[in-house]
Amino acid sequence: MRRVQRARVKWWHIVLIVVVLLASVNVSGNYIISENNYTHNLEVAELFDVGNFDNQDYLNNVNALSAFNYSLKQDVNAYSHILATYNTLNYLKRAGLYEGTVDKYLFPEIIKYYDLYAQLGFGYLGTNPIAVSWYLKSLGFKVNITFDRGNIAEVMGSNDICILYRNGKTEDGVKDVEYRAVTRTSETQARFFGPSLNFHIGNKINIEYADYYLALFTVNI
């Protein structure tokens, strides 16, 4: 009597199944989190103190967003991409390049999108930087991403509004990840929003951020 041999299960089949399951859990989990946070954030927006905005409607303190819920982790230190996105849209609105509404009610909308597409591991594994590009593209803007450090200073100096993403560690070895809206004021000078800071582009990129991984999102119509 012939022995029936069992087909061997290939290891990559198992890995693929695990990846698919994890992705499904992440997608469904993000949707639930997004809906729950959105309901909460609409209520928070109603009570948000507009005195947090400066006289040009920029928001320069990420801690002002602490009452809003984002992801499951809900760590305000991880909200910089929300702040940078708002300030970018405010710049475009003031420049007459965006017709949408930019006010305190925009925060729930931005967070809802990032809850769905930006958070990784429900916020415990950080954010997907490319989601910033996806969101702005969904509003009709052209977004280009520069990863080459050698070109970032030049690109920043030739575009009106960008978002700079940095990822590294401070001198004390503390993880440091931040997104900042930035506008050029000349070919060599620029200004950060959130908080407001004027700086020399070359010095900032090539000296102060020399040990950071950088990416620059340029936003145009």
N, C-alpha and C. Protein backbone atom coordinates (compact mmCIF):
# COMPACT_ATOMS: atom_id res chain seq x y z
N MET A 1 0.85 -1.19 0.00
CA MET A 1 0.00 0.00 0.00
C MET A 1 0.88 1.24 0.00
N ARG A 2 0.62 2.12 -0.96
CA ARG A 2 1.46 3.30 -1.10
C ARG A 2 1.11 4.35 -0.04
N ARG A 3 2.14 4.93 0.52
CA ARG A 3 1.94 5.98 1.53
C ARG A 3 1.70 7.31 0.82
N VAL A 4 0.63 7.97 1.26
CA VAL A 4 0.29 9.27 0.68
C VAL A 4 1.15 10.34 1.35
N GLN A 5 1.92 11.05 0.54
CA GLN A 5 2.77 12.10 1.08
C GLN A 5 2.02 13.41 1.19
N ARG A 6 2.18 14.04 2.32
CA ARG A 6 1.56 15.35 2.51
C ARG A 6 2.37 16.43 1.79
N ALA A 7 1.65 17.32 1.18
CA ALA A 7 2.33 18.43 0.51
C ALA A 7 2.97 19.34 1.55
N ARG A 8 4.20 19.70 1.29
CA ARG A 8 4.89 20.58 2.22
C ARG A 8 4.37 22.02 2.11
N VAL A 9 4.19 22.62 3.25
CA VAL A 9 3.76 24.02 3.28
C VAL A 9 5.01 24.89 3.19
N LYS A 10 5.08 25.71 2.17
CA LYS A 10 6.23 26.58 1.98
C LYS A 10 6.19 27.72 2.99
N TRP A 11 7.37 28.06 3.51
CA TRP A 11 7.45 29.07 4.57
C TRP A 11 6.92 30.41 4.11
N TRP A 12 7.13 30.74 2.83
CA TRP A 12 6.68 32.06 2.38
C TRP A 12 5.17 32.13 2.26
N HIS A 13 4.51 30.96 2.14
CA HIS A 13 3.03 30.94 2.17
C HIS A 13 2.54 31.38 3.55
N ILE A 14 3.21 30.87 4.57
CA ILE A 14 2.83 31.22 5.94
C ILE A 14 3.06 32.71 6.19
N VAL A 15 4.22 33.20 5.74
CA VAL A 15 4.53 34.63 5.91
C VAL A 15 3.49 35.48 5.20
N LEU A 16 3.13 35.09 3.99
CA LEU A 16 2.14 35.85 3.22
C LEU A 16 0.80 35.90 3.93
N ILE A 17 0.38 34.75 4.48
CA ILE A 17 -0.90 34.70 5.19
C ILE A 17 -0.86 35.61 6.42
N VAL A 18 0.25 35.55 7.16
CA VAL A 18 0.38 36.40 8.35
C VAL A 18 0.33 37.87 7.97
N VAL A 19 1.04 38.24 6.91
CA VAL A 19 1.06 39.64 6.46
C VAL A 19 -0.34 40.10 6.06
N VAL A 20 -1.05 39.26 5.33
CA VAL A 20 -2.42 39.61 4.91
C VAL A 20 -3.32 39.79 6.12
N LEU A 21 -3.20 38.89 7.09
CA LEU A 21 -4.03 38.98 8.29
C LEU A 21 -3.72 40.25 9.07
N LEU A 22 -2.43 40.56 9.22
CA LEU A 22 -2.04 41.76 9.95
C LEU A 22 -2.52 43.02 9.23
N ALA A 23 -2.41 43.02 7.92
CA ALA A 23 -2.87 44.17 7.14
C ALA A 23 -4.38 44.35 7.29
N SER A 24 -5.11 43.23 7.29
CA SER A 24 -6.56 43.31 7.44
C SER A 24 -6.95 43.85 8.81
N VAL A 25 -6.24 43.38 9.83
CA VAL A 25 -6.50 43.87 11.18
C VAL A 25 -6.20 45.36 11.27
N ASN A 26 -5.09 45.79 10.65
CA ASN A 26 -4.70 47.20 10.70
C ASN A 26 -5.72 48.08 10.00
N VAL A 27 -6.18 47.65 8.82
CA VAL A 27 -7.15 48.44 8.06
C VAL A 27 -8.47 48.56 8.80
N SER A 28 -8.99 47.41 9.27
CA SER A 28 -10.27 47.44 9.99
C SER A 28 -10.15 48.19 11.30
N GLY A 29 -9.01 48.01 11.98
CA GLY A 29 -8.79 48.73 13.23
C GLY A 29 -8.69 50.22 13.02
N ASN A 30 -7.97 50.63 11.96
CA ASN A 30 -7.85 52.06 11.66
C ASN A 30 -9.20 52.69 11.36
N TYR A 31 -10.07 51.94 10.68
CA TYR A 31 -11.40 52.47 10.36
C TYR A 31 -12.20 52.73 11.63
N ILE A 32 -12.18 51.76 12.54
CA ILE A 32 -12.93 51.91 13.80
C ILE A 32 -12.38 53.08 14.61
N ILE A 33 -11.05 53.15 14.70
CA ILE A 33 -10.41 54.25 15.44
C ILE A 33 -10.76 55.59 14.80
N SER A 34 -10.72 55.63 13.47
CA SER A 34 -11.01 56.86 12.75
C SER A 34 -12.42 57.37 13.04
N GLU A 35 -13.38 56.48 13.01
CA GLU A 35 -14.77 56.88 13.25
C GLU A 35 -14.97 57.34 14.68
N ASN A 36 -14.42 56.62 15.63
CA ASN A 36 -14.55 57.00 17.04
C ASN A 36 -13.89 58.34 17.32
N ASN A 37 -12.67 58.51 16.79
CA ASN A 37 -11.95 59.76 17.01
C ASN A 37 -12.65 60.94 16.34
N TYR A 38 -13.21 60.69 15.17
CA TYR A 38 -13.87 61.78 14.44
C TYR A 38 -15.05 62.34 15.22
N THR A 39 -15.85 61.46 15.80
CA THR A 39 -17.00 61.90 16.60
C THR A 39 -16.52 62.75 17.78
N HIS A 40 -15.49 62.28 18.45
CA HIS A 40 -14.92 63.03 19.58
C HIS A 40 -14.34 64.36 19.11
N ASN A 41 -13.61 64.34 18.01
CA ASN A 41 -12.90 65.54 17.56
C ASN A 41 -13.83 66.64 17.07
N LEU A 42 -14.99 66.27 16.56
CA LEU A 42 -15.98 67.29 16.18
C LEU A 42 -16.42 68.08 17.40
N GLU A 43 -16.60 67.39 18.51
CA GLU A 43 -16.98 68.06 19.76
C GLU A 43 -15.84 68.95 20.27
N VAL A 44 -14.62 68.46 20.15
CA VAL A 44 -13.46 69.24 20.60
C VAL A 44 -13.31 70.50 19.76
N ALA A 45 -13.54 70.38 18.46
CA ALA A 45 -13.41 71.54 17.56
C ALA A 45 -14.38 72.65 17.95
N GLU A 46 -15.56 72.27 18.40
CA GLU A 46 -16.55 73.27 18.82
C GLU A 46 -16.01 74.13 19.95
N LEU A 47 -15.24 73.54 20.83
CA LEU A 47 -14.75 74.23 22.02
C LEU A 47 -13.32 74.76 21.86
N PHE A 48 -12.72 74.51 20.71
CA PHE A 48 -11.34 74.91 20.49
C PHE A 48 -11.19 76.43 20.57
N ASP A 49 -10.23 76.89 21.34
CA ASP A 49 -10.01 78.31 21.55
C ASP A 49 -9.27 78.90 20.34
N VAL A 50 -9.96 79.75 19.57
CA VAL A 50 -9.35 80.34 18.38
C VAL A 50 -8.22 81.30 18.76
N GLY A 51 -8.11 81.62 20.05
CA GLY A 51 -7.00 82.44 20.50
C GLY A 51 -5.66 81.72 20.36
N ASN A 52 -5.72 80.41 20.08
CA ASN A 52 -4.49 79.65 19.84
C ASN A 52 -3.84 80.02 18.51
N PHE A 53 -4.63 80.56 17.58
CA PHE A 53 -4.10 80.97 16.29
C PHE A 53 -3.42 82.33 16.42
N ASP A 54 -2.39 82.55 15.58
CA ASP A 54 -1.77 83.88 15.58
C ASP A 54 -2.60 84.82 14.71
N ASN A 55 -2.12 86.04 14.49
CA ASN A 55 -2.91 87.02 13.77
C ASN A 55 -3.02 86.74 12.27
N GLN A 56 -2.34 85.68 11.81
CA GLN A 56 -2.48 85.25 10.41
C GLN A 56 -3.10 83.86 10.32
N ASP A 57 -3.68 83.43 11.43
CA ASP A 57 -4.40 82.15 11.52
C ASP A 57 -3.51 80.91 11.45
N TYR A 58 -2.21 81.08 11.69
CA TYR A 58 -1.33 79.91 11.81
C TYR A 58 -1.40 79.40 13.24
N LEU A 59 -1.16 78.11 13.40
CA LEU A 59 -1.10 77.51 14.73
C LEU A 59 0.35 77.14 14.99
N ASN A 60 0.92 77.70 16.04
CA ASN A 60 2.35 77.55 16.28
C ASN A 60 2.70 76.70 17.50
N ASN A 61 1.71 76.04 18.07
CA ASN A 61 1.97 75.21 19.24
C ASN A 61 1.19 73.90 19.12
N VAL A 62 1.90 72.79 18.93
CA VAL A 62 1.23 71.51 18.76
C VAL A 62 0.45 71.10 20.00
N ASN A 63 0.84 71.59 21.17
CA ASN A 63 0.13 71.25 22.41
C ASN A 63 -1.30 71.77 22.42
N ALA A 64 -1.60 72.74 21.56
CA ALA A 64 -2.96 73.24 21.46
C ALA A 64 -3.91 72.17 20.92
N LEU A 65 -3.33 71.12 20.33
CA LEU A 65 -4.15 70.03 19.76
C LEU A 65 -4.33 68.87 20.72
N SER A 66 -3.90 69.03 21.95
CA SER A 66 -3.86 67.90 22.90
C SER A 66 -5.23 67.30 23.19
N ALA A 67 -6.30 68.07 23.06
CA ALA A 67 -7.64 67.55 23.35
C ALA A 67 -8.19 66.70 22.19
N PHE A 68 -7.59 66.83 21.01
CA PHE A 68 -8.02 66.03 19.87
C PHE A 68 -7.42 64.63 19.99
N ASN A 69 -8.19 63.64 19.55
CA ASN A 69 -7.71 62.26 19.55
C ASN A 69 -7.20 61.88 18.17
N TYR A 70 -5.99 61.35 18.13
CA TYR A 70 -5.43 60.80 16.89
C TYR A 70 -4.80 59.45 17.20
N SER A 71 -5.14 58.47 16.41
CA SER A 71 -4.68 57.09 16.57
C SER A 71 -5.16 56.53 17.91
N LEU A 72 -4.66 55.36 18.24
CA LEU A 72 -5.03 54.75 19.52
C LEU A 72 -4.09 55.23 20.62
N LYS A 73 -2.86 55.54 20.24
CA LYS A 73 -1.86 55.98 21.21
C LYS A 73 -2.17 57.36 21.76
N GLN A 74 -2.64 58.27 20.89
CA GLN A 74 -3.04 59.62 21.30
C GLN A 74 -1.94 60.36 22.06
N ASP A 75 -0.79 60.44 21.42
CA ASP A 75 0.37 61.15 21.98
C ASP A 75 0.54 62.44 21.20
N VAL A 76 0.32 63.59 21.85
CA VAL A 76 0.36 64.87 21.16
C VAL A 76 1.74 65.14 20.54
N ASN A 77 2.77 64.48 21.05
CA ASN A 77 4.10 64.63 20.47
C ASN A 77 4.19 64.04 19.07
N ALA A 78 3.19 63.25 18.69
CA ALA A 78 3.16 62.64 17.36
C ALA A 78 2.16 63.34 16.44
N TYR A 79 1.77 64.57 16.80
CA TYR A 79 0.75 65.28 16.02
C TYR A 79 1.36 66.29 15.04
N SER A 80 2.67 66.31 14.88
CA SER A 80 3.28 67.40 14.11
C SER A 80 2.85 67.40 12.64
N HIS A 81 2.56 66.22 12.07
CA HIS A 81 2.11 66.19 10.67
C HIS A 81 0.71 66.80 10.53
N ILE A 82 -0.09 66.71 11.59
CA ILE A 82 -1.41 67.34 11.57
C ILE A 82 -1.24 68.86 11.58
N LEU A 83 -0.37 69.33 12.45
CA LEU A 83 -0.09 70.76 12.55
C LEU A 83 0.51 71.29 11.26
N ALA A 84 1.47 70.56 10.69
CA ALA A 84 2.12 71.00 9.45
C ALA A 84 1.14 71.05 8.29
N THR A 85 0.23 70.09 8.24
CA THR A 85 -0.77 70.07 7.17
C THR A 85 -1.71 71.26 7.29
N TYR A 86 -2.18 71.54 8.49
CA TYR A 86 -3.05 72.70 8.69
C TYR A 86 -2.34 73.99 8.28
N ASN A 87 -1.13 74.19 8.74
CA ASN A 87 -0.41 75.43 8.44
C ASN A 87 -0.12 75.57 6.95
N THR A 88 0.13 74.46 6.28
CA THR A 88 0.33 74.49 4.83
C THR A 88 -0.93 74.95 4.11
N LEU A 89 -2.07 74.40 4.52
CA LEU A 89 -3.33 74.78 3.90
C LEU A 89 -3.69 76.23 4.22
N ASN A 90 -3.34 76.67 5.41
CA ASN A 90 -3.59 78.07 5.76
C ASN A 90 -2.75 79.00 4.89
N TYR A 91 -1.51 78.63 4.65
CA TYR A 91 -0.66 79.42 3.75
C TYR A 91 -1.28 79.50 2.36
N LEU A 92 -1.70 78.36 1.84
CA LEU A 92 -2.29 78.31 0.50
C LEU A 92 -3.59 79.10 0.43
N LYS A 93 -4.37 79.03 1.51
CA LYS A 93 -5.62 79.79 1.58
C LYS A 93 -5.33 81.29 1.54
N ARG A 94 -4.39 81.74 2.32
CA ARG A 94 -4.04 83.15 2.38
C ARG A 94 -3.44 83.64 1.06
N ALA A 95 -2.81 82.72 0.32
CA ALA A 95 -2.23 83.08 -0.97
C ALA A 95 -3.24 83.01 -2.10
N GLY A 96 -4.48 82.64 -1.78
CA GLY A 96 -5.52 82.53 -2.80
C GLY A 96 -5.41 81.30 -3.67
N LEU A 97 -4.72 80.27 -3.14
CA LEU A 97 -4.48 79.06 -3.92
C LEU A 97 -5.31 77.87 -3.44
N TYR A 98 -6.13 78.09 -2.43
CA TYR A 98 -6.97 77.02 -1.89
C TYR A 98 -8.33 77.61 -1.54
N GLU A 99 -9.39 77.00 -2.06
CA GLU A 99 -10.73 77.53 -1.86
C GLU A 99 -11.46 76.89 -0.70
N GLY A 100 -10.88 75.86 -0.11
CA GLY A 100 -11.54 75.20 1.01
C GLY A 100 -11.50 76.03 2.28
N THR A 101 -12.27 75.60 3.25
CA THR A 101 -12.33 76.29 4.54
C THR A 101 -11.15 75.88 5.41
N VAL A 102 -10.47 76.86 5.97
CA VAL A 102 -9.35 76.59 6.88
C VAL A 102 -9.66 77.26 8.20
N ASP A 103 -10.12 76.49 9.14
CA ASP A 103 -10.42 76.99 10.48
C ASP A 103 -10.31 75.82 11.45
N LYS A 104 -10.82 76.01 12.66
CA LYS A 104 -10.66 74.97 13.69
C LYS A 104 -11.37 73.66 13.33
N TYR A 105 -12.36 73.74 12.44
CA TYR A 105 -13.10 72.53 12.05
C TYR A 105 -12.33 71.68 11.04
N LEU A 106 -11.20 72.20 10.57
CA LEU A 106 -10.38 71.42 9.65
C LEU A 106 -9.62 70.31 10.37
N PHE A 107 -9.34 70.50 11.64
CA PHE A 107 -8.56 69.49 12.37
C PHE A 107 -9.22 68.11 12.40
N PRO A 108 -10.54 68.00 12.67
CA PRO A 108 -11.16 66.67 12.64
C PRO A 108 -11.04 66.00 11.27
N GLU A 109 -11.10 66.80 10.19
CA GLU A 109 -11.02 66.24 8.85
C GLU A 109 -9.62 65.71 8.56
N ILE A 110 -8.61 66.49 8.92
CA ILE A 110 -7.22 66.06 8.71
C ILE A 110 -6.94 64.79 9.52
N ILE A 111 -7.35 64.80 10.78
CA ILE A 111 -7.08 63.66 11.65
C ILE A 111 -7.80 62.41 11.15
N LYS A 112 -9.02 62.56 10.66
CA LYS A 112 -9.76 61.40 10.16
C LYS A 112 -9.00 60.72 9.03
N TYR A 113 -8.44 61.53 8.12
CA TYR A 113 -7.68 60.97 7.01
C TYR A 113 -6.43 60.26 7.52
N TYR A 114 -5.71 60.90 8.43
CA TYR A 114 -4.47 60.31 8.93
C TYR A 114 -4.73 59.11 9.82
N ASP A 115 -5.88 59.08 10.48
CA ASP A 115 -6.24 57.88 11.24
C ASP A 115 -6.38 56.68 10.29
N LEU A 116 -6.90 56.94 9.09
CA LEU A 116 -7.10 55.86 8.13
C LEU A 116 -5.82 55.44 7.43
N TYR A 117 -4.98 56.42 7.08
CA TYR A 117 -3.88 56.13 6.17
C TYR A 117 -2.47 56.40 6.71
N ALA A 118 -2.35 57.13 7.79
CA ALA A 118 -1.01 57.50 8.25
C ALA A 118 -0.51 56.68 9.43
N GLN A 119 -1.39 56.37 10.37
CA GLN A 119 -0.92 55.70 11.58
C GLN A 119 -0.47 54.27 11.28
N LEU A 120 0.62 53.87 11.90
CA LEU A 120 1.15 52.52 11.75
C LEU A 120 1.07 51.82 13.10
N GLY A 121 0.50 50.62 13.09
CA GLY A 121 0.37 49.89 14.35
C GLY A 121 -0.46 50.66 15.35
N PHE A 122 -1.55 51.30 14.84
CA PHE A 122 -2.46 52.10 15.67
C PHE A 122 -1.77 53.26 16.36
N GLY A 123 -0.67 53.72 15.76
CA GLY A 123 0.05 54.87 16.29
C GLY A 123 1.28 54.50 17.08
N TYR A 124 1.42 53.24 17.46
CA TYR A 124 2.55 52.82 18.29
C TYR A 124 3.82 52.60 17.48
N LEU A 125 3.67 52.51 16.15
CA LEU A 125 4.83 52.32 15.27
C LEU A 125 5.12 53.56 14.44
N GLY A 126 4.53 54.67 14.84
CA GLY A 126 4.78 55.92 14.14
C GLY A 126 3.78 56.21 13.04
N THR A 127 4.19 57.00 12.06
CA THR A 127 3.30 57.39 10.96
C THR A 127 3.97 57.11 9.62
N ASN A 128 3.15 57.00 8.62
CA ASN A 128 3.61 56.84 7.24
C ASN A 128 3.76 58.23 6.63
N PRO A 129 4.98 58.71 6.40
CA PRO A 129 5.16 60.07 5.89
C PRO A 129 4.48 60.32 4.56
N ILE A 130 4.39 59.28 3.73
CA ILE A 130 3.82 59.45 2.40
C ILE A 130 2.33 59.83 2.48
N ALA A 131 1.69 59.52 3.61
CA ALA A 131 0.27 59.87 3.76
C ALA A 131 0.05 61.37 3.70
N VAL A 132 1.05 62.16 4.08
CA VAL A 132 0.94 63.62 3.97
C VAL A 132 0.77 64.00 2.50
N SER A 133 1.55 63.38 1.64
CA SER A 133 1.43 63.61 0.21
C SER A 133 0.07 63.17 -0.31
N TRP A 134 -0.38 62.00 0.13
CA TRP A 134 -1.69 61.49 -0.31
C TRP A 134 -2.81 62.46 0.06
N TYR A 135 -2.77 62.97 1.27
CA TYR A 135 -3.84 63.87 1.71
C TYR A 135 -3.89 65.13 0.87
N LEU A 136 -2.74 65.76 0.67
CA LEU A 136 -2.71 67.00 -0.10
C LEU A 136 -3.08 66.76 -1.56
N LYS A 137 -2.69 65.62 -2.09
CA LYS A 137 -3.09 65.27 -3.46
C LYS A 137 -4.60 65.06 -3.55
N SER A 138 -5.20 64.53 -2.48
CA SER A 138 -6.66 64.31 -2.48
C SER A 138 -7.42 65.63 -2.55
N LEU A 139 -6.74 66.74 -2.19
CA LEU A 139 -7.36 68.06 -2.26
C LEU A 139 -7.07 68.75 -3.59
N GLY A 140 -6.35 68.06 -4.46
CA GLY A 140 -6.09 68.58 -5.79
C GLY A 140 -4.74 69.23 -5.99
N PHE A 141 -3.86 69.15 -5.00
CA PHE A 141 -2.54 69.77 -5.14
C PHE A 141 -1.54 68.80 -5.77
N LYS A 142 -0.52 69.37 -6.39
CA LYS A 142 0.60 68.59 -6.91
C LYS A 142 1.66 68.54 -5.82
N VAL A 143 2.06 67.35 -5.46
CA VAL A 143 3.04 67.19 -4.38
C VAL A 143 4.21 66.36 -4.89
N ASN A 144 5.39 66.91 -4.76
CA ASN A 144 6.61 66.19 -5.09
C ASN A 144 7.42 65.97 -3.82
N ILE A 145 8.13 64.86 -3.76
CA ILE A 145 8.92 64.53 -2.58
C ILE A 145 10.38 64.43 -2.96
N THR A 146 11.21 65.16 -2.23
CA THR A 146 12.66 65.13 -2.44
C THR A 146 13.31 64.42 -1.27
N PHE A 147 14.00 63.32 -1.55
CA PHE A 147 14.70 62.58 -0.50
C PHE A 147 16.20 62.87 -0.50
N ASP A 148 16.70 63.37 -1.61
CA ASP A 148 18.12 63.62 -1.76
C ASP A 148 18.54 64.85 -0.96
N ARG A 149 19.30 64.62 0.10
CA ARG A 149 19.73 65.72 0.96
C ARG A 149 20.44 66.81 0.17
N GLY A 150 21.20 66.43 -0.84
CA GLY A 150 21.94 67.40 -1.61
C GLY A 150 21.07 68.38 -2.37
N ASN A 151 19.82 67.99 -2.62
CA ASN A 151 18.91 68.85 -3.37
C ASN A 151 17.88 69.57 -2.49
N ILE A 152 17.75 69.15 -1.23
CA ILE A 152 16.68 69.68 -0.39
C ILE A 152 16.80 71.18 -0.19
N ALA A 153 17.99 71.67 0.11
CA ALA A 153 18.17 73.10 0.34
C ALA A 153 17.80 73.90 -0.90
N GLU A 154 18.23 73.42 -2.07
CA GLU A 154 17.92 74.11 -3.32
C GLU A 154 16.43 74.10 -3.61
N VAL A 155 15.80 72.95 -3.42
CA VAL A 155 14.36 72.84 -3.69
C VAL A 155 13.57 73.70 -2.72
N MET A 156 13.95 73.70 -1.44
CA MET A 156 13.26 74.53 -0.46
C MET A 156 13.37 76.00 -0.82
N GLY A 157 14.52 76.41 -1.33
CA GLY A 157 14.74 77.80 -1.68
C GLY A 157 14.05 78.25 -2.94
N SER A 158 13.45 77.30 -3.67
CA SER A 158 12.79 77.66 -4.93
C SER A 158 11.30 77.35 -4.92
N ASN A 159 10.74 76.99 -3.76
CA ASN A 159 9.31 76.70 -3.64
C ASN A 159 8.70 77.52 -2.51
N ASP A 160 7.47 77.97 -2.73
CA ASP A 160 6.84 78.87 -1.76
C ASP A 160 6.42 78.18 -0.48
N ILE A 161 5.90 76.96 -0.57
CA ILE A 161 5.43 76.27 0.63
C ILE A 161 5.79 74.79 0.55
N CYS A 162 6.37 74.28 1.62
CA CYS A 162 6.80 72.88 1.68
C CYS A 162 6.50 72.33 3.08
N ILE A 163 6.66 71.04 3.21
CA ILE A 163 6.66 70.40 4.52
C ILE A 163 7.96 69.62 4.64
N LEU A 164 8.74 69.92 5.67
CA LEU A 164 10.00 69.22 5.90
C LEU A 164 9.79 68.14 6.95
N TYR A 165 10.17 66.93 6.59
CA TYR A 165 10.09 65.79 7.51
C TYR A 165 11.50 65.43 7.94
N ARG A 166 11.70 65.32 9.23
CA ARG A 166 13.00 64.89 9.74
C ARG A 166 12.82 63.73 10.71
N ASN A 167 13.80 62.84 10.71
CA ASN A 167 13.72 61.65 11.55
C ASN A 167 15.14 61.31 12.00
N GLY A 168 15.36 61.36 13.29
CA GLY A 168 16.69 61.07 13.82
C GLY A 168 16.68 61.07 15.32
N LYS A 169 17.81 61.45 15.91
CA LYS A 169 17.93 61.51 17.35
C LYS A 169 18.60 62.82 17.76
N THR A 170 18.21 63.29 18.93
CA THR A 170 18.85 64.49 19.47
C THR A 170 20.24 64.14 19.97
N GLU A 171 20.98 65.15 20.41
CA GLU A 171 22.31 64.90 20.96
C GLU A 171 22.27 64.01 22.19
N ASP A 172 21.12 63.98 22.86
CA ASP A 172 20.95 63.14 24.05
C ASP A 172 20.51 61.73 23.70
N GLY A 173 20.37 61.45 22.41
CA GLY A 173 19.97 60.12 21.98
C GLY A 173 18.47 59.88 21.99
N VAL A 174 17.68 60.95 22.13
CA VAL A 174 16.22 60.83 22.17
C VAL A 174 15.68 60.84 20.73
N LYS A 175 14.76 59.93 20.45
CA LYS A 175 14.14 59.86 19.13
C LYS A 175 13.46 61.18 18.81
N ASP A 176 13.71 61.70 17.62
CA ASP A 176 13.19 63.02 17.24
C ASP A 176 12.61 62.94 15.84
N VAL A 177 11.28 62.96 15.76
CA VAL A 177 10.58 62.93 14.48
C VAL A 177 9.64 64.12 14.41
N GLU A 178 9.71 64.87 13.34
CA GLU A 178 8.86 66.06 13.25
C GLU A 178 8.61 66.45 11.80
N TYR A 179 7.41 66.99 11.58
CA TYR A 179 7.03 67.60 10.31
C TYR A 179 6.83 69.09 10.57
N ARG A 180 7.35 69.93 9.66
CA ARG A 180 7.15 71.37 9.83
C ARG A 180 6.81 72.00 8.47
N ALA A 181 5.76 72.82 8.46
CA ALA A 181 5.49 73.63 7.27
C ALA A 181 6.54 74.71 7.19
N VAL A 182 7.02 74.96 5.99
CA VAL A 182 8.10 75.93 5.81
C VAL A 182 7.89 76.71 4.52
N THR A 183 8.13 78.01 4.57
CA THR A 183 8.04 78.85 3.38
C THR A 183 9.34 79.62 3.21
N ARG A 184 9.79 79.75 2.00
CA ARG A 184 11.01 80.51 1.75
C ARG A 184 10.72 81.99 1.91
N THR A 185 11.68 82.74 2.38
CA THR A 185 11.58 84.20 2.43
C THR A 185 12.59 84.83 1.46
N SER A 186 13.57 84.03 1.02
CA SER A 186 14.51 84.42 -0.03
C SER A 186 15.13 83.12 -0.53
N GLU A 187 16.10 83.20 -1.41
CA GLU A 187 16.74 82.00 -1.93
C GLU A 187 17.53 81.26 -0.85
N THR A 188 17.94 81.97 0.18
CA THR A 188 18.77 81.35 1.23
C THR A 188 18.10 81.31 2.60
N GLN A 189 17.00 82.02 2.76
CA GLN A 189 16.32 82.12 4.05
C GLN A 189 14.92 81.52 3.96
N ALA A 190 14.45 80.98 5.08
CA ALA A 190 13.11 80.39 5.12
C ALA A 190 12.52 80.59 6.51
N ARG A 191 11.25 80.28 6.61
CA ARG A 191 10.52 80.44 7.87
C ARG A 191 9.72 79.18 8.16
N PHE A 192 9.91 78.63 9.34
CA PHE A 192 9.10 77.53 9.82
C PHE A 192 7.79 78.06 10.41
N PHE A 193 6.74 77.26 10.30
CA PHE A 193 5.51 77.48 11.06
C PHE A 193 5.38 76.33 12.05
N GLY A 194 4.89 76.65 13.24
CA GLY A 194 4.59 75.62 14.24
C GLY A 194 5.78 75.08 15.01
N PRO A 195 6.53 75.87 15.78
CA PRO A 195 6.39 77.32 15.94
C PRO A 195 7.13 78.10 14.87
N SER A 196 6.84 79.40 14.83
CA SER A 196 7.46 80.27 13.83
C SER A 196 8.95 80.44 14.12
N LEU A 197 9.76 80.29 13.07
CA LEU A 197 11.21 80.42 13.23
C LEU A 197 11.83 80.74 11.87
N ASN A 198 12.60 81.82 11.81
CA ASN A 198 13.33 82.17 10.60
C ASN A 198 14.72 81.53 10.66
N PHE A 199 15.21 81.03 9.53
CA PHE A 199 16.50 80.34 9.54
C PHE A 199 17.17 80.39 8.17
N HIS A 200 18.48 80.11 8.17
CA HIS A 200 19.25 79.99 6.95
C HIS A 200 19.10 78.56 6.43
N ILE A 201 18.65 78.41 5.22
CA ILE A 201 18.31 77.08 4.70
C ILE A 201 19.51 76.14 4.71
N GLY A 202 20.63 76.59 4.15
CA GLY A 202 21.81 75.73 4.07
C GLY A 202 22.31 75.28 5.43
N ASN A 203 22.34 76.21 6.39
CA ASN A 203 22.81 75.86 7.73
C ASN A 203 21.88 74.86 8.41
N LYS A 204 20.59 75.07 8.25
CA LYS A 204 19.63 74.18 8.90
C LYS A 204 19.74 72.76 8.34
N ILE A 205 19.76 72.64 7.01
CA ILE A 205 19.75 71.33 6.37
C ILE A 205 21.09 70.63 6.49
N ASN A 206 22.16 71.34 6.23
CA ASN A 206 23.47 70.70 6.10
C ASN A 206 24.28 70.65 7.39
N ILE A 207 23.92 71.46 8.37
CA ILE A 207 24.67 71.46 9.63
C ILE A 207 23.80 70.95 10.79
N GLU A 208 22.74 71.69 11.09
CA GLU A 208 21.91 71.31 12.25
C GLU A 208 21.25 69.96 12.07
N TYR A 209 20.80 69.67 10.83
CA TYR A 209 20.13 68.39 10.56
C TYR A 209 21.04 67.40 9.83
N ALA A 210 22.32 67.55 9.99
CA ALA A 210 23.28 66.73 9.24
C ALA A 210 23.12 65.23 9.52
N ASP A 211 22.71 64.87 10.73
CA ASP A 211 22.60 63.46 11.10
C ASP A 211 21.17 62.93 11.02
N TYR A 212 20.26 63.72 10.44
CA TYR A 212 18.87 63.32 10.33
C TYR A 212 18.56 62.78 8.94
N TYR A 213 17.60 61.85 8.90
CA TYR A 213 17.00 61.47 7.61
C TYR A 213 15.97 62.55 7.29
N LEU A 214 16.01 63.10 6.07
CA LEU A 214 15.13 64.19 5.69
C LEU A 214 14.34 63.87 4.43
N ALA A 215 13.16 64.43 4.36
CA ALA A 215 12.35 64.40 3.14
C ALA A 215 11.61 65.72 3.05
N LEU A 216 11.50 66.25 1.84
CA LEU A 216 10.84 67.53 1.64
C LEU A 216 9.67 67.36 0.68
N PHE A 217 8.47 67.75 1.15
CA PHE A 217 7.27 67.71 0.34
C PHE A 217 7.00 69.11 -0.21
N THR A 218 7.04 69.29 -1.52
CA THR A 218 6.70 70.58 -2.11
C THR A 218 5.26 70.55 -2.58
N VAL A 219 4.53 71.64 -2.34
CA VAL A 219 3.11 71.67 -2.61
C VAL A 219 2.82 72.80 -3.60
N ASN A 220 2.21 72.44 -4.72
CA ASN A 220 1.89 73.42 -5.76
C ASN A 220 0.51 73.12 -6.34
N ILE A 221 -0.04 74.12 -7.03
CA ILE A 221 -1.35 73.93 -7.65
C ILE A 221 -1.18 73.33 -9.05
